[in-house]
Amino acid sequence: MQPVASKLTRCHWAGTDPGMIHYHDTEWGVPLHEDRALFEFLTLEGAQAGLSWSTILRKRANYRKAFDRFDVRKVARYGDRKVDALIEDAGIVRNRLKIGSTIANAQAFLAVQKEFGTFDTYIWQFVGGAPRRNRWRALGDVPARTAESDAMSKDLGRRGFRFVGSTICYAFMQATGMVNDHLTGCFRHEEVA
């Protein structure tokens, strides 16, 4: 018999919010290799800067609608009229710099795809093509950045990406399963391995 979901031991950050629990239990830390989904997480992690992840997660469906389901080719072509409409959209973070960075990132994303074939091929090189499996016991053990996220941030910045500081890059790596930062006591630590 499978244990009741609420009785499972999870990473503390999942809290008690059903949306956060679902995200933790089904997505966070699962290796992701689909370019559209990688662009979505790059956008959402940048939007989160200065905010809580739960805020962004609650707005995720609105982001998908506002940004054409993260169709990178469409987003790369957004002009001033679309930016003005996005600034008025209460369903997303209405920050002109973050919206502008999403468009610039889409353009840089396309350039990376052209050079490497896929963004996936490019981004996973920062962990040697395979997830790093960490064995953190407590939330305080988990770093906010690593040498790999520093290298990713520097290279993304060189390629014209914005809102890609090392801390944002590390959060991206965690979300997309490039690193397994589920705590060792969390039921997902072994599952995503």
Foldseek 3Di string as FASTA:
>chain_A
DDDDLVPFDFACVLPDPPLSSCLRVPFFQAADQDQQVLLLLLLLLLQCVVHDSVLSSQLSVVCCVLCVNSPLVVLLPDDDVSLVVQLVDPSGPNDSVSSVLSNQLSVLLVVVCVVQVHVSRVLLVLLPNAAAQDAAAHPVVDDLFDPSLCVVLVVSVVSRHPSRHRSSSVSSCRRNNSYPPIHNSGPCSVVSD
